[in-house]
Amino acid sequence: AMDHVKKGNYGHKARVYTNDEIGLAAETLNDMSKGLQERERLQNAIFLAQEVQQLLLPKDNPVIPGLDVAGKSIYCEETGGDYYDFLPMGPSGTTKIGVVVGDVSGHGIGSALFMSMARTLLRSRSVQNGQLSQIVNDVNRELANDLEDSGQFMTLFYLVVEQNQPDIRWIRAGHPPAIVYDVDHNAFD
């Protein structure tokens, strides 16, 4: 039975014939096998959540003449609620893009699921017309309706850039402000 457990076969049970130390050791091995089997199941679930979460992040950085836009997410744990995205805005063919950075409270699979839900709502709502504040309010309302009893929350920074426009617009929902680097003046705003 110990050889089976050593090889990762946690379903194999040690047969218990006695009530002495050997019988106790066999029962302990069976209990340990159940625990290892559950641990392996949880690790597989976390791995799957991490894989899905990585697939939801942007594959490429947007190309916007006059701007360098890039993003990268490095997780401290296997999975969590960190989020960034580049969102096409308005009808197909427009030169407007949204840049979103968010952080869901907590870590683990629950935060990753919250993040994926927020991502879906943001992507769906951003292609529709409306002011930036309307988009964020609509998404917040949907998240609050579905997740109000969870105790979780998400901070968000959402920036809109439109090619050939001299300004950018953004909104913050509990997230730290953006830092803008002006290359001409070698300064941060």
N, C-alpha and C. Protein backbone atom coordinates (compact mmCIF):
# COMPACT_ATOMS: atom_id res chain seq x y z
N ALA A 1 0.83 -1.20 0.00
CA ALA A 1 0.00 0.00 0.00
C ALA A 1 0.87 1.25 0.00
N MET A 2 1.98 1.22 0.76
CA MET A 2 2.86 2.40 0.78
C MET A 2 3.52 2.62 -0.58
N ASP A 3 3.85 1.54 -1.29
CA ASP A 3 4.41 1.69 -2.63
C ASP A 3 3.41 2.36 -3.58
N HIS A 4 2.14 1.97 -3.47
CA HIS A 4 1.11 2.60 -4.30
C HIS A 4 1.01 4.10 -4.01
N VAL A 5 0.98 4.48 -2.74
CA VAL A 5 0.91 5.90 -2.36
C VAL A 5 2.15 6.63 -2.85
N LYS A 6 3.31 6.02 -2.71
CA LYS A 6 4.57 6.61 -3.17
C LYS A 6 4.52 6.92 -4.66
N LYS A 7 3.82 6.08 -5.43
CA LYS A 7 3.72 6.25 -6.89
C LYS A 7 2.55 7.14 -7.29
N GLY A 8 1.83 7.68 -6.29
CA GLY A 8 0.72 8.58 -6.59
C GLY A 8 -0.62 7.90 -6.75
N ASN A 9 -0.71 6.63 -6.48
CA ASN A 9 -1.97 5.90 -6.55
C ASN A 9 -2.66 5.99 -5.19
N TYR A 10 -3.36 7.11 -4.96
CA TYR A 10 -3.95 7.37 -3.66
C TYR A 10 -5.25 6.60 -3.42
N GLY A 11 -5.78 5.99 -4.45
CA GLY A 11 -7.03 5.24 -4.30
C GLY A 11 -6.83 3.84 -3.73
N HIS A 12 -5.59 3.38 -3.72
CA HIS A 12 -5.32 2.04 -3.19
C HIS A 12 -5.39 2.08 -1.67
N LYS A 13 -6.13 1.16 -1.09
CA LYS A 13 -6.32 1.11 0.37
C LYS A 13 -5.48 -0.01 0.98
N ALA A 14 -4.93 0.28 2.13
CA ALA A 14 -4.25 -0.76 2.90
C ALA A 14 -5.32 -1.56 3.63
N ARG A 15 -5.19 -2.85 3.60
CA ARG A 15 -6.17 -3.70 4.30
C ARG A 15 -5.81 -3.75 5.78
N VAL A 16 -6.82 -3.59 6.60
CA VAL A 16 -6.63 -3.58 8.05
C VAL A 16 -7.20 -4.87 8.62
N TYR A 17 -6.31 -5.67 9.22
CA TYR A 17 -6.72 -6.95 9.80
C TYR A 17 -6.62 -6.97 11.32
N THR A 18 -5.87 -6.04 11.89
CA THR A 18 -5.60 -6.10 13.33
C THR A 18 -5.90 -4.78 14.00
N ASN A 19 -5.99 -4.81 15.33
CA ASN A 19 -6.19 -3.60 16.12
C ASN A 19 -4.90 -3.14 16.79
N ASP A 20 -3.77 -3.66 16.38
CA ASP A 20 -2.50 -3.29 17.00
C ASP A 20 -1.86 -2.13 16.24
N GLU A 21 -0.57 -1.92 16.48
CA GLU A 21 0.15 -0.81 15.85
C GLU A 21 0.16 -0.91 14.33
N ILE A 22 0.24 -2.11 13.80
CA ILE A 22 0.24 -2.31 12.35
C ILE A 22 -1.12 -1.91 11.77
N GLY A 23 -2.18 -2.28 12.43
CA GLY A 23 -3.52 -1.89 12.00
C GLY A 23 -3.70 -0.38 12.04
N LEU A 24 -3.20 0.25 13.12
CA LEU A 24 -3.27 1.71 13.24
C LEU A 24 -2.48 2.38 12.13
N ALA A 25 -1.29 1.83 11.81
CA ALA A 25 -0.47 2.38 10.73
C ALA A 25 -1.21 2.27 9.39
N ALA A 26 -1.88 1.15 9.16
CA ALA A 26 -2.63 0.97 7.92
C ALA A 26 -3.79 1.97 7.82
N GLU A 27 -4.52 2.18 8.92
CA GLU A 27 -5.62 3.16 8.93
C GLU A 27 -5.08 4.57 8.69
N THR A 28 -3.95 4.88 9.32
CA THR A 28 -3.33 6.20 9.14
C THR A 28 -2.91 6.39 7.68
N LEU A 29 -2.35 5.35 7.07
CA LEU A 29 -1.97 5.42 5.66
C LEU A 29 -3.20 5.67 4.78
N ASN A 30 -4.30 5.00 5.08
CA ASN A 30 -5.54 5.20 4.30
C ASN A 30 -6.05 6.63 4.45
N ASP A 31 -6.02 7.17 5.68
CA ASP A 31 -6.45 8.56 5.91
C ASP A 31 -5.53 9.54 5.18
N MET A 32 -4.22 9.28 5.25
CA MET A 32 -3.26 10.14 4.57
C MET A 32 -3.48 10.11 3.06
N SER A 33 -3.79 8.94 2.53
CA SER A 33 -4.05 8.81 1.09
C SER A 33 -5.24 9.66 0.67
N LYS A 34 -6.30 9.65 1.49
CA LYS A 34 -7.47 10.49 1.19
C LYS A 34 -7.09 11.96 1.17
N GLY A 35 -6.29 12.38 2.15
CA GLY A 35 -5.84 13.78 2.20
C GLY A 35 -4.98 14.15 1.00
N LEU A 36 -4.09 13.27 0.61
CA LEU A 36 -3.25 13.53 -0.56
C LEU A 36 -4.07 13.58 -1.84
N GLN A 37 -5.08 12.73 -1.93
CA GLN A 37 -5.96 12.73 -3.10
C GLN A 37 -6.72 14.07 -3.20
N GLU A 38 -7.22 14.56 -2.07
CA GLU A 38 -7.92 15.85 -2.04
C GLU A 38 -6.97 16.99 -2.38
N ARG A 39 -5.77 16.93 -1.86
CA ARG A 39 -4.76 17.98 -2.13
C ARG A 39 -4.44 18.01 -3.63
N GLU A 40 -4.27 16.84 -4.22
CA GLU A 40 -3.99 16.77 -5.65
C GLU A 40 -5.16 17.33 -6.47
N ARG A 41 -6.38 17.04 -6.04
CA ARG A 41 -7.56 17.57 -6.73
C ARG A 41 -7.59 19.09 -6.67
N LEU A 42 -7.28 19.66 -5.50
CA LEU A 42 -7.25 21.12 -5.35
C LEU A 42 -6.14 21.75 -6.18
N GLN A 43 -4.97 21.12 -6.20
CA GLN A 43 -3.87 21.65 -7.01
C GLN A 43 -4.23 21.65 -8.48
N ASN A 44 -4.91 20.61 -8.94
CA ASN A 44 -5.35 20.56 -10.34
C ASN A 44 -6.36 21.67 -10.64
N ALA A 45 -7.26 21.94 -9.70
CA ALA A 45 -8.24 23.01 -9.88
C ALA A 45 -7.54 24.37 -9.94
N ILE A 46 -6.56 24.59 -9.08
CA ILE A 46 -5.82 25.85 -9.10
C ILE A 46 -5.04 25.99 -10.40
N PHE A 47 -4.43 24.92 -10.85
CA PHE A 47 -3.69 24.96 -12.11
C PHE A 47 -4.61 25.31 -13.27
N LEU A 48 -5.79 24.71 -13.30
CA LEU A 48 -6.76 25.00 -14.35
C LEU A 48 -7.21 26.46 -14.29
N ALA A 49 -7.47 26.97 -13.08
CA ALA A 49 -7.87 28.37 -12.93
C ALA A 49 -6.76 29.30 -13.40
N GLN A 50 -5.52 28.97 -13.08
CA GLN A 50 -4.39 29.78 -13.52
C GLN A 50 -4.29 29.78 -15.05
N GLU A 51 -4.47 28.62 -15.64
CA GLU A 51 -4.40 28.50 -17.09
C GLU A 51 -5.49 29.34 -17.76
N VAL A 52 -6.71 29.24 -17.25
CA VAL A 52 -7.82 30.01 -17.81
C VAL A 52 -7.57 31.51 -17.64
N GLN A 53 -7.10 31.90 -16.46
CA GLN A 53 -6.85 33.31 -16.19
C GLN A 53 -5.78 33.87 -17.14
N GLN A 54 -4.74 33.12 -17.38
CA GLN A 54 -3.69 33.57 -18.30
C GLN A 54 -4.23 33.70 -19.72
N LEU A 55 -5.15 32.82 -20.10
CA LEU A 55 -5.75 32.91 -21.43
C LEU A 55 -6.63 34.14 -21.59
N LEU A 56 -7.14 34.68 -20.49
CA LEU A 56 -8.01 35.85 -20.55
C LEU A 56 -7.23 37.16 -20.66
N LEU A 57 -5.95 37.13 -20.37
CA LEU A 57 -5.14 38.35 -20.49
C LEU A 57 -4.83 38.61 -21.97
N PRO A 58 -4.59 39.88 -22.33
CA PRO A 58 -4.32 40.20 -23.74
C PRO A 58 -3.11 39.45 -24.28
N LYS A 59 -3.22 39.00 -25.51
CA LYS A 59 -2.11 38.30 -26.16
C LYS A 59 -1.09 39.29 -26.73
N ASP A 60 -1.60 40.42 -27.22
CA ASP A 60 -0.74 41.42 -27.87
C ASP A 60 -1.03 42.80 -27.29
N ASN A 61 -0.04 43.66 -27.39
CA ASN A 61 -0.21 45.05 -27.00
C ASN A 61 -0.80 45.83 -28.17
N PRO A 62 -1.66 46.80 -27.89
CA PRO A 62 -2.25 47.58 -29.00
C PRO A 62 -1.21 48.49 -29.63
N VAL A 63 -1.41 48.76 -30.90
CA VAL A 63 -0.54 49.67 -31.62
C VAL A 63 -1.30 50.97 -31.80
N ILE A 64 -0.82 52.02 -31.14
CA ILE A 64 -1.43 53.34 -31.23
C ILE A 64 -0.31 54.31 -31.58
N PRO A 65 -0.31 54.86 -32.79
CA PRO A 65 0.76 55.77 -33.17
C PRO A 65 0.91 56.91 -32.16
N GLY A 66 2.15 57.15 -31.75
CA GLY A 66 2.44 58.21 -30.80
C GLY A 66 2.44 57.75 -29.35
N LEU A 67 2.02 56.52 -29.08
CA LEU A 67 2.00 56.00 -27.71
C LEU A 67 2.65 54.63 -27.65
N ASP A 68 3.30 54.36 -26.56
CA ASP A 68 3.78 53.01 -26.27
C ASP A 68 2.86 52.44 -25.21
N VAL A 69 2.13 51.41 -25.55
CA VAL A 69 1.20 50.78 -24.61
C VAL A 69 1.61 49.32 -24.46
N ALA A 70 1.81 48.91 -23.21
CA ALA A 70 2.20 47.52 -22.95
C ALA A 70 1.65 47.09 -21.61
N GLY A 71 1.49 45.80 -21.45
CA GLY A 71 1.01 45.28 -20.18
C GLY A 71 1.61 43.91 -19.91
N LYS A 72 1.74 43.60 -18.63
CA LYS A 72 2.24 42.29 -18.22
C LYS A 72 1.75 42.05 -16.80
N SER A 73 1.37 40.84 -16.52
CA SER A 73 0.91 40.48 -15.19
C SER A 73 1.77 39.33 -14.67
N ILE A 74 2.37 39.53 -13.50
CA ILE A 74 3.17 38.50 -12.85
C ILE A 74 2.52 38.24 -11.51
N TYR A 75 2.00 37.03 -11.32
CA TYR A 75 1.26 36.71 -10.11
C TYR A 75 2.20 36.25 -9.01
N CYS A 76 1.89 36.66 -7.79
CA CYS A 76 2.63 36.21 -6.62
C CYS A 76 2.25 34.78 -6.27
N GLU A 77 1.01 34.44 -6.51
CA GLU A 77 0.51 33.10 -6.22
C GLU A 77 0.06 32.48 -7.53
N GLU A 78 -0.47 31.29 -7.48
CA GLU A 78 -0.88 30.61 -8.70
C GLU A 78 -1.95 31.38 -9.46
N THR A 79 -2.88 31.94 -8.73
CA THR A 79 -3.98 32.65 -9.38
C THR A 79 -4.52 33.71 -8.44
N GLY A 80 -5.19 34.68 -8.99
CA GLY A 80 -5.72 35.75 -8.16
C GLY A 80 -6.60 36.69 -8.95
N GLY A 81 -6.78 37.90 -8.43
CA GLY A 81 -7.71 38.83 -9.03
C GLY A 81 -7.07 39.99 -9.75
N ASP A 82 -5.78 39.93 -10.06
CA ASP A 82 -5.15 41.00 -10.82
C ASP A 82 -5.63 40.92 -12.26
N TYR A 83 -5.81 42.11 -12.86
CA TYR A 83 -6.43 42.14 -14.17
C TYR A 83 -5.96 43.36 -14.94
N TYR A 84 -5.67 43.15 -16.22
CA TYR A 84 -5.50 44.27 -17.13
C TYR A 84 -6.03 43.84 -18.49
N ASP A 85 -6.40 44.82 -19.29
CA ASP A 85 -6.95 44.49 -20.59
C ASP A 85 -6.88 45.71 -21.50
N PHE A 86 -6.92 45.46 -22.78
CA PHE A 86 -7.03 46.50 -23.80
C PHE A 86 -8.35 46.24 -24.52
N LEU A 87 -9.26 47.22 -24.44
CA LEU A 87 -10.62 47.01 -24.94
C LEU A 87 -10.90 47.87 -26.15
N PRO A 88 -11.29 47.25 -27.25
CA PRO A 88 -11.78 48.06 -28.37
C PRO A 88 -13.08 48.72 -27.94
N MET A 89 -13.25 49.96 -28.33
CA MET A 89 -14.45 50.69 -27.91
C MET A 89 -15.20 51.21 -29.12
N GLY A 90 -16.51 51.18 -29.02
CA GLY A 90 -17.36 51.67 -30.09
C GLY A 90 -17.45 50.68 -31.23
N PRO A 91 -18.03 51.11 -32.33
CA PRO A 91 -18.22 50.21 -33.48
C PRO A 91 -16.89 49.74 -34.05
N SER A 92 -16.92 48.62 -34.73
CA SER A 92 -15.72 48.07 -35.35
C SER A 92 -15.10 49.09 -36.30
N GLY A 93 -13.79 49.19 -36.26
CA GLY A 93 -13.09 50.12 -37.13
C GLY A 93 -12.79 51.46 -36.49
N THR A 94 -13.31 51.74 -35.29
CA THR A 94 -13.00 53.00 -34.63
C THR A 94 -11.58 52.93 -34.07
N THR A 95 -11.01 54.08 -33.81
CA THR A 95 -9.63 54.15 -33.34
C THR A 95 -9.56 54.45 -31.85
N LYS A 96 -10.61 54.10 -31.14
CA LYS A 96 -10.68 54.33 -29.71
C LYS A 96 -10.38 53.02 -28.99
N ILE A 97 -9.56 53.11 -27.92
CA ILE A 97 -9.23 51.91 -27.16
C ILE A 97 -9.28 52.22 -25.67
N GLY A 98 -9.75 51.25 -24.91
CA GLY A 98 -9.76 51.36 -23.46
C GLY A 98 -8.61 50.55 -22.88
N VAL A 99 -7.97 51.10 -21.87
CA VAL A 99 -6.92 50.40 -21.14
C VAL A 99 -7.43 50.26 -19.71
N VAL A 100 -7.53 49.02 -19.24
CA VAL A 100 -8.12 48.75 -17.94
C VAL A 100 -7.11 48.04 -17.04
N VAL A 101 -7.03 48.49 -15.79
CA VAL A 101 -6.24 47.80 -14.77
C VAL A 101 -7.17 47.63 -13.57
N GLY A 102 -7.24 46.42 -13.05
CA GLY A 102 -8.11 46.16 -11.91
C GLY A 102 -7.47 45.21 -10.93
N ASP A 103 -8.00 45.20 -9.73
CA ASP A 103 -7.51 44.31 -8.69
C ASP A 103 -8.68 43.88 -7.83
N VAL A 104 -8.95 42.59 -7.85
CA VAL A 104 -10.02 42.02 -7.02
C VAL A 104 -9.42 41.70 -5.65
N SER A 105 -10.17 41.98 -4.60
CA SER A 105 -9.69 41.67 -3.25
C SER A 105 -9.48 40.18 -3.09
N GLY A 106 -8.47 39.83 -2.32
CA GLY A 106 -8.19 38.43 -2.03
C GLY A 106 -7.36 37.77 -3.12
N HIS A 107 -7.12 36.49 -2.92
CA HIS A 107 -6.35 35.67 -3.85
C HIS A 107 -7.07 34.35 -4.05
N GLY A 108 -6.62 33.60 -5.00
CA GLY A 108 -7.16 32.26 -5.20
C GLY A 108 -8.24 32.20 -6.26
N ILE A 109 -8.89 31.06 -6.30
CA ILE A 109 -9.86 30.78 -7.35
C ILE A 109 -11.06 31.73 -7.30
N GLY A 110 -11.55 32.07 -6.11
CA GLY A 110 -12.69 32.98 -6.00
C GLY A 110 -12.39 34.34 -6.62
N SER A 111 -11.21 34.88 -6.35
CA SER A 111 -10.83 36.17 -6.92
C SER A 111 -10.66 36.07 -8.43
N ALA A 112 -10.11 34.95 -8.90
CA ALA A 112 -9.94 34.76 -10.34
C ALA A 112 -11.30 34.69 -11.04
N LEU A 113 -12.28 34.03 -10.42
CA LEU A 113 -13.61 33.97 -11.01
C LEU A 113 -14.27 35.34 -11.04
N PHE A 114 -14.11 36.10 -9.96
CA PHE A 114 -14.64 37.47 -9.91
C PHE A 114 -14.02 38.29 -11.04
N MET A 115 -12.70 38.18 -11.20
CA MET A 115 -12.00 38.92 -12.24
C MET A 115 -12.52 38.55 -13.62
N SER A 116 -12.73 37.26 -13.88
CA SER A 116 -13.20 36.85 -15.21
C SER A 116 -14.61 37.37 -15.47
N MET A 117 -15.43 37.43 -14.43
CA MET A 117 -16.78 37.98 -14.58
C MET A 117 -16.70 39.48 -14.90
N ALA A 118 -15.86 40.20 -14.17
CA ALA A 118 -15.69 41.64 -14.42
C ALA A 118 -15.17 41.88 -15.83
N ARG A 119 -14.23 41.07 -16.26
CA ARG A 119 -13.66 41.20 -17.61
C ARG A 119 -14.76 41.03 -18.66
N THR A 120 -15.58 40.02 -18.51
CA THR A 120 -16.65 39.76 -19.46
C THR A 120 -17.62 40.94 -19.52
N LEU A 121 -18.01 41.45 -18.35
CA LEU A 121 -18.93 42.59 -18.31
C LEU A 121 -18.31 43.84 -18.93
N LEU A 122 -17.04 44.10 -18.63
CA LEU A 122 -16.37 45.28 -19.19
C LEU A 122 -16.26 45.19 -20.70
N ARG A 123 -15.87 44.03 -21.20
CA ARG A 123 -15.72 43.86 -22.65
C ARG A 123 -17.07 44.01 -23.36
N SER A 124 -18.09 43.45 -22.77
CA SER A 124 -19.42 43.52 -23.37
C SER A 124 -19.94 44.95 -23.38
N ARG A 125 -19.76 45.65 -22.27
CA ARG A 125 -20.32 47.00 -22.14
C ARG A 125 -19.50 48.04 -22.89
N SER A 126 -18.19 47.82 -23.05
CA SER A 126 -17.32 48.82 -23.66
C SER A 126 -17.55 49.01 -25.15
N VAL A 127 -18.10 48.03 -25.83
CA VAL A 127 -18.35 48.19 -27.26
C VAL A 127 -19.66 48.93 -27.53
N GLN A 128 -20.43 49.19 -26.48
CA GLN A 128 -21.67 49.95 -26.62
C GLN A 128 -21.38 51.43 -26.42
N ASN A 129 -22.29 52.27 -26.83
CA ASN A 129 -22.13 53.70 -26.65
C ASN A 129 -22.30 54.09 -25.19
N GLY A 130 -21.74 55.23 -24.84
CA GLY A 130 -21.89 55.75 -23.49
C GLY A 130 -20.60 56.36 -22.98
N GLN A 131 -20.77 57.24 -22.02
CA GLN A 131 -19.62 57.86 -21.37
C GLN A 131 -18.88 56.81 -20.54
N LEU A 132 -17.63 57.08 -20.27
CA LEU A 132 -16.82 56.19 -19.47
C LEU A 132 -17.43 55.93 -18.10
N SER A 133 -17.96 56.99 -17.49
CA SER A 133 -18.60 56.83 -16.18
C SER A 133 -19.83 55.92 -16.26
N GLN A 134 -20.59 56.01 -17.36
CA GLN A 134 -21.75 55.14 -17.54
C GLN A 134 -21.33 53.67 -17.68
N ILE A 135 -20.26 53.44 -18.41
CA ILE A 135 -19.76 52.07 -18.61
C ILE A 135 -19.39 51.47 -17.26
N VAL A 136 -18.60 52.19 -16.48
CA VAL A 136 -18.15 51.67 -15.19
C VAL A 136 -19.32 51.51 -14.22
N ASN A 137 -20.25 52.45 -14.22
CA ASN A 137 -21.43 52.33 -13.36
C ASN A 137 -22.28 51.11 -13.72
N ASP A 138 -22.47 50.88 -15.01
CA ASP A 138 -23.25 49.72 -15.45
C ASP A 138 -22.59 48.40 -15.02
N VAL A 139 -21.29 48.31 -15.21
CA VAL A 139 -20.56 47.10 -14.82
C VAL A 139 -20.60 46.93 -13.31
N ASN A 140 -20.41 48.01 -12.58
CA ASN A 140 -20.45 47.94 -11.11
C ASN A 140 -21.81 47.46 -10.63
N ARG A 141 -22.87 47.96 -11.23
CA ARG A 141 -24.21 47.56 -10.83
C ARG A 141 -24.41 46.06 -11.01
N GLU A 142 -23.96 45.54 -12.16
CA GLU A 142 -24.10 44.10 -12.42
C GLU A 142 -23.28 43.26 -11.44
N LEU A 143 -22.05 43.69 -11.19
CA LEU A 143 -21.20 42.96 -10.24
C LEU A 143 -21.81 42.99 -8.84
N ALA A 144 -22.28 44.16 -8.43
CA ALA A 144 -22.87 44.28 -7.09
C ALA A 144 -24.12 43.42 -6.95
N ASN A 145 -24.94 43.36 -8.00
CA ASN A 145 -26.14 42.52 -7.94
C ASN A 145 -25.79 41.05 -7.77
N ASP A 146 -24.76 40.61 -8.46
CA ASP A 146 -24.41 39.19 -8.41
C ASP A 146 -23.54 38.81 -7.22
N LEU A 147 -22.73 39.73 -6.75
CA LEU A 147 -21.69 39.36 -5.77
C LEU A 147 -21.75 40.13 -4.47
N GLU A 148 -22.85 40.82 -4.19
CA GLU A 148 -22.91 41.68 -3.01
C GLU A 148 -22.71 40.92 -1.71
N ASP A 149 -23.11 39.68 -1.64
CA ASP A 149 -22.97 38.91 -0.40
C ASP A 149 -21.62 38.23 -0.25
N SER A 150 -20.75 38.34 -1.27
CA SER A 150 -19.46 37.66 -1.23
C SER A 150 -18.45 38.40 -0.35
N GLY A 151 -18.65 39.71 -0.15
CA GLY A 151 -17.68 40.49 0.61
C GLY A 151 -16.48 40.91 -0.23
N GLN A 152 -16.43 40.49 -1.47
CA GLN A 152 -15.31 40.87 -2.33
C GLN A 152 -15.62 42.17 -3.05
N PHE A 153 -14.54 42.83 -3.48
CA PHE A 153 -14.68 44.06 -4.25
C PHE A 153 -13.54 44.14 -5.25
N MET A 154 -13.67 45.07 -6.16
CA MET A 154 -12.64 45.25 -7.18
C MET A 154 -12.35 46.73 -7.34
N THR A 155 -11.07 47.09 -7.35
CA THR A 155 -10.70 48.45 -7.71
C THR A 155 -10.43 48.46 -9.21
N LEU A 156 -10.59 49.63 -9.83
CA LEU A 156 -10.48 49.68 -11.28
C LEU A 156 -9.94 51.03 -11.72
N PHE A 157 -9.09 51.00 -12.70
CA PHE A 157 -8.64 52.19 -13.41
C PHE A 157 -8.92 51.94 -14.88
N TYR A 158 -9.64 52.86 -15.52
CA TYR A 158 -10.06 52.67 -16.91
C TYR A 158 -9.72 53.95 -17.67
N LEU A 159 -8.86 53.81 -18.67
CA LEU A 159 -8.37 54.92 -19.47
C LEU A 159 -8.84 54.75 -20.91
N VAL A 160 -9.23 55.84 -21.55
CA VAL A 160 -9.64 55.78 -22.96
C VAL A 160 -8.71 56.68 -23.77
N VAL A 161 -8.18 56.10 -24.84
CA VAL A 161 -7.30 56.82 -25.76
C VAL A 161 -7.94 56.73 -27.14
N GLU A 162 -7.97 57.87 -27.82
CA GLU A 162 -8.48 57.88 -29.19
C GLU A 162 -7.41 58.47 -30.10
N GLN A 163 -7.07 57.70 -31.13
CA GLN A 163 -6.04 58.15 -32.06
C GLN A 163 -6.43 59.50 -32.64
N ASN A 164 -5.46 60.37 -32.81
CA ASN A 164 -5.63 61.71 -33.39
C ASN A 164 -6.40 62.65 -32.48
N GLN A 165 -6.52 62.33 -31.21
CA GLN A 165 -7.14 63.22 -30.24
C GLN A 165 -6.05 63.68 -29.27
N PRO A 166 -6.05 64.93 -28.88
CA PRO A 166 -4.96 65.44 -28.05
C PRO A 166 -5.07 65.06 -26.56
N ASP A 167 -6.18 64.50 -26.15
CA ASP A 167 -6.32 64.22 -24.72
C ASP A 167 -6.72 62.77 -24.48
N ILE A 168 -6.57 62.38 -23.23
CA ILE A 168 -7.01 61.06 -22.80
C ILE A 168 -8.01 61.26 -21.66
N ARG A 169 -8.89 60.30 -21.49
CA ARG A 169 -9.87 60.37 -20.40
C ARG A 169 -9.73 59.11 -19.56
N TRP A 170 -9.97 59.25 -18.28
CA TRP A 170 -9.92 58.08 -17.42
C TRP A 170 -10.86 58.24 -16.24
N ILE A 171 -11.11 57.11 -15.62
CA ILE A 171 -11.93 57.07 -14.42
C ILE A 171 -11.28 56.09 -13.46
N ARG A 172 -11.36 56.41 -12.18
CA ARG A 172 -10.84 55.52 -11.15
C ARG A 172 -11.98 55.09 -10.25
N ALA A 173 -11.97 53.83 -9.89
CA ALA A 173 -12.96 53.31 -8.96
C ALA A 173 -12.18 52.63 -7.83
N GLY A 174 -11.66 53.45 -6.93
CA GLY A 174 -10.92 52.94 -5.79
C GLY A 174 -9.49 52.54 -6.09
N HIS A 175 -9.06 52.68 -7.32
CA HIS A 175 -7.71 52.27 -7.73
C HIS A 175 -6.75 53.47 -7.66
N PRO A 176 -5.47 53.22 -7.41
CA PRO A 176 -4.50 54.33 -7.41
C PRO A 176 -4.49 55.05 -8.76
N PRO A 177 -4.10 56.31 -8.76
CA PRO A 177 -4.10 57.07 -10.02
C PRO A 177 -2.99 56.59 -10.96
N ALA A 178 -3.16 56.94 -12.23
CA ALA A 178 -2.15 56.62 -13.24
C ALA A 178 -0.97 57.57 -13.11
N ILE A 179 0.16 57.11 -13.56
CA ILE A 179 1.34 57.96 -13.64
C ILE A 179 1.65 58.10 -15.13
N VAL A 180 1.68 59.35 -15.61
CA VAL A 180 1.91 59.62 -17.02
C VAL A 180 3.32 60.18 -17.16
N TYR A 181 4.11 59.55 -18.04
CA TYR A 181 5.46 60.00 -18.29
C TYR A 181 5.49 60.84 -19.56
N ASP A 182 5.98 62.07 -19.44
CA ASP A 182 6.12 62.98 -20.57
C ASP A 182 7.57 62.92 -21.04
N VAL A 183 7.79 62.27 -22.17
CA VAL A 183 9.15 62.06 -22.66
C VAL A 183 9.82 63.38 -23.05
N ASP A 184 9.04 64.35 -23.54
CA ASP A 184 9.60 65.64 -23.94
C ASP A 184 10.20 66.40 -22.76
N HIS A 185 9.58 66.28 -21.60
CA HIS A 185 10.03 67.00 -20.39
C HIS A 185 10.74 66.10 -19.40
N ASN A 186 10.87 64.82 -19.74
CA ASN A 186 11.49 63.83 -18.86
C ASN A 186 10.91 63.93 -17.44
N ALA A 187 9.59 63.91 -17.39
CA ALA A 187 8.93 64.09 -16.09
C ALA A 187 7.65 63.25 -16.04
N PHE A 188 7.27 62.91 -14.82
CA PHE A 188 6.02 62.21 -14.58
C PHE A 188 4.95 63.22 -14.17
N ASP A 189 3.75 63.04 -14.67
CA ASP A 189 2.60 63.87 -14.25
C ASP A 189 1.71 63.07 -13.37
